[in-house]
Amino acid sequence: MAVVNHFSNNISVLIDISCGNDKVYMCHIPNNDPTHEVTICISPSAVAAHLAQGCKLGQCIPGSMITTNGMMEQITARGLVLRAIPNPSSNYFTLKIESDNNEQKINLRVLDLQGRLVEVKSNLSANQTLQLGSSYLPGVYIAEIIQGNRRRFVKLVKL
């Protein structure tokens, strides 16, 4: 766990955002445009300024954005999209997979924050909906779909 101190402000983070040399990862969002976000490694003294500009602590997850309520959602992207509803959920998640490629199959992996594989589904079709997570313990998970060389992620929060 990393703790960032800036004057009288303390920020506690439940996942390790350290990137070495006493620095932390920050998802930098230039001009508040999440389509151009980039992961940077900065000094803890610069965190408050970046947060004030709309940046987020931790690494960016490609194809996702953090909304004003703090939840991560998929940016609508051309080609391959992954959505989770409801999110957060105390029961199960409904994942909606959309793709402009109906020929190539899609694989799904769900990982916990320690990188452990929780669930795998293979040979999924484009533009389908599935339910998962009813047996997951409360926590944070990352769902990833892969179609060819395209990947999309969504953060799942189980209450």
Protein backbone atom coordinates (compact mmCIF):
# COMPACT_ATOMS: atom_id res chain seq x y z
CA MET A 1 0.00 0.00 0.00
CA ALA A 2 1.29 3.46 -0.89
CA VAL A 3 0.56 6.56 1.13
CA VAL A 4 1.06 9.96 -0.45
CA ASN A 5 1.65 12.93 1.89
CA HIS A 6 1.31 16.49 0.64
CA PHE A 7 1.35 19.14 3.38
CA SER A 8 -1.65 18.28 5.57
CA ASN A 9 -3.35 16.06 2.97
CA ASN A 10 -2.98 12.30 3.26
CA ILE A 11 -4.17 9.94 0.55
CA SER A 12 -4.30 6.22 1.36
CA VAL A 13 -4.34 3.85 -1.60
CA LEU A 14 -5.44 0.21 -1.34
CA ILE A 15 -3.33 -0.94 -4.27
CA ASP A 16 0.38 -0.41 -4.77
CA ILE A 17 0.94 2.60 -7.01
CA SER A 18 4.69 2.81 -6.38
CA CYS A 19 6.86 3.04 -9.47
CA GLY A 20 10.24 3.08 -7.76
CA ASN A 21 12.57 5.78 -6.42
CA ASP A 22 9.87 6.96 -3.97
CA LYS A 23 7.62 7.96 -6.88
CA VAL A 24 4.03 6.97 -7.71
CA TYR A 25 2.05 6.14 -10.84
CA MET A 26 -0.46 8.73 -12.00
CA CYS A 27 -2.95 8.40 -14.84
CA HIS A 28 -2.35 11.76 -16.52
CA ILE A 29 -5.33 13.03 -18.50
CA PRO A 30 -4.17 15.98 -20.63
CA ASN A 31 -6.81 18.68 -21.10
CA ASN A 32 -9.37 16.41 -19.34
CA ASP A 33 -9.46 14.26 -22.50
CA PRO A 34 -9.49 10.58 -21.37
CA THR A 35 -8.85 9.38 -24.92
CA HIS A 36 -5.26 10.68 -24.57
CA GLU A 37 -4.52 9.48 -21.04
CA VAL A 38 -1.02 8.24 -20.26
CA THR A 39 0.57 6.63 -17.20
CA ILE A 40 3.36 8.75 -15.71
CA CYS A 41 5.67 8.29 -12.72
CA ILE A 42 5.85 11.39 -10.49
CA SER A 43 7.08 12.64 -7.14
CA PRO A 44 4.48 12.54 -4.34
CA SER A 45 4.83 16.34 -4.02
CA ALA A 46 3.29 16.70 -7.51
CA VAL A 47 0.24 14.50 -6.79
CA ALA A 48 -2.04 17.25 -5.45
CA ALA A 49 -1.48 19.44 -8.53
CA HIS A 50 -2.25 16.53 -10.87
CA LEU A 51 -5.38 15.56 -8.93
CA ALA A 52 -6.57 19.18 -9.15
CA GLN A 53 -6.21 18.95 -12.96
CA GLY A 54 -8.42 15.83 -13.12
CA CYS A 55 -5.68 13.18 -13.20
CA LYS A 56 -6.12 9.93 -11.21
CA LEU A 57 -3.79 8.00 -8.92
CA GLY A 58 -2.48 4.71 -10.31
CA GLN A 59 -1.83 3.39 -13.78
CA CYS A 60 -4.20 4.06 -16.65
CA ILE A 61 -6.18 1.06 -17.89
CA PRO A 62 -6.32 1.29 -21.71
CA GLY A 63 -9.80 1.83 -23.09
CA SER A 64 -11.27 2.91 -19.75
CA MET A 65 -11.97 6.13 -17.92
CA ILE A 66 -12.78 7.07 -14.35
CA THR A 67 -16.06 8.96 -14.10
CA THR A 68 -16.92 11.79 -11.74
CA ASN A 69 -18.37 9.34 -9.22
CA GLY A 70 -15.02 7.53 -9.09
CA MET A 71 -16.13 4.43 -11.02
CA MET A 72 -14.28 3.17 -14.04
CA GLU A 73 -16.24 2.79 -17.27
CA GLN A 74 -15.36 1.81 -20.79
CA ILE A 75 -14.80 4.67 -23.19
CA THR A 76 -16.95 4.17 -26.25
CA ALA A 77 -14.41 3.10 -28.80
CA ARG A 78 -14.80 2.17 -32.42
CA GLY A 79 -14.54 -1.53 -32.94
CA LEU A 80 -14.57 -3.28 -29.57
CA VAL A 81 -16.46 -2.17 -26.43
CA LEU A 82 -16.96 -3.74 -23.00
CA ARG A 83 -19.58 -2.50 -20.54
CA ALA A 84 -20.52 -3.77 -17.06
CA ILE A 85 -23.95 -3.12 -15.54
CA PRO A 86 -24.55 -2.65 -12.66
CA ASN A 87 -21.15 -1.61 -11.42
CA PRO A 88 -20.63 -1.72 -8.48
CA SER A 89 -22.80 -4.76 -7.75
CA SER A 90 -23.63 -6.81 -4.69
CA ASN A 91 -24.91 -9.73 -6.77
CA TYR A 92 -23.66 -10.22 -10.35
CA PHE A 93 -22.46 -8.20 -13.33
CA THR A 94 -24.01 -8.15 -16.77
CA LEU A 95 -21.22 -7.71 -19.33
CA LYS A 96 -22.13 -6.39 -22.74
CA ILE A 97 -19.57 -7.10 -25.45
CA GLU A 98 -19.87 -5.12 -28.69
CA SER A 99 -17.65 -5.60 -31.72
CA ASP A 100 -17.59 -4.58 -35.36
CA ASN A 101 -16.00 -7.96 -36.15
CA ASN A 102 -18.59 -10.76 -36.10
CA GLU A 103 -16.16 -13.36 -37.48
CA GLN A 104 -13.40 -13.43 -34.88
CA LYS A 105 -14.14 -15.01 -31.49
CA ILE A 106 -13.59 -13.14 -28.21
CA ASN A 107 -11.89 -14.39 -25.04
CA LEU A 108 -12.67 -13.06 -21.55
CA ARG A 109 -10.46 -13.11 -18.47
CA VAL A 110 -11.30 -11.80 -15.01
CA LEU A 111 -8.41 -11.06 -12.64
CA ASP A 112 -8.34 -9.91 -9.04
CA LEU A 113 -6.08 -7.00 -8.05
CA GLN A 114 -3.26 -9.40 -7.18
CA GLY A 115 -3.30 -10.60 -10.80
CA ARG A 116 -4.81 -14.00 -9.97
CA LEU A 117 -7.06 -15.49 -12.62
CA VAL A 118 -10.64 -15.68 -11.33
CA GLU A 119 -12.60 -16.70 -14.43
CA VAL A 120 -12.03 -17.43 -18.12
CA LYS A 121 -14.51 -17.71 -20.98
CA SER A 122 -13.40 -18.56 -24.51
CA ASN A 123 -14.91 -18.45 -27.97
CA LEU A 124 -17.46 -15.75 -27.16
CA SER A 125 -19.37 -14.14 -29.99
CA ALA A 126 -19.45 -10.46 -30.83
CA ASN A 127 -22.41 -8.45 -29.59
CA GLN A 128 -23.41 -10.76 -26.78
CA THR A 129 -24.34 -10.28 -23.15
CA LEU A 130 -23.32 -12.54 -20.28
CA GLN A 131 -23.63 -12.60 -16.51
CA LEU A 132 -20.80 -13.34 -14.13
CA GLY A 133 -19.58 -12.60 -10.64
CA SER A 134 -22.34 -14.07 -8.51
CA SER A 135 -19.77 -16.24 -6.69
CA TYR A 136 -17.08 -13.53 -6.45
CA LEU A 137 -16.05 -12.35 -2.99
CA PRO A 138 -16.40 -8.61 -2.29
CA GLY A 139 -13.50 -6.75 -3.88
CA VAL A 140 -12.19 -5.22 -7.09
CA TYR A 141 -11.66 -7.19 -10.29
CA ILE A 142 -10.52 -6.39 -13.82
CA ALA A 143 -12.44 -7.95 -16.71
CA GLU A 144 -10.53 -8.10 -20.00
CA ILE A 145 -11.79 -9.08 -23.43
CA ILE A 146 -9.43 -9.92 -26.27
CA GLN A 147 -10.35 -10.10 -29.93
CA GLY A 148 -7.35 -10.52 -32.20
CA ASN A 149 -4.92 -7.75 -31.26
CA ARG A 150 -7.61 -5.59 -29.61
CA ARG A 151 -8.13 -5.55 -25.83
CA ARG A 152 -10.64 -3.79 -23.64
CA PHE A 153 -10.84 -3.66 -19.83
CA VAL A 154 -13.41 -2.74 -17.25
CA LYS A 155 -12.99 -2.52 -13.49
CA LEU A 156 -15.63 -4.51 -11.58
CA VAL A 157 -16.46 -3.67 -7.97
CA LYS A 158 -18.23 -6.41 -6.00
CA LEU A 159 -19.85 -5.14 -2.80
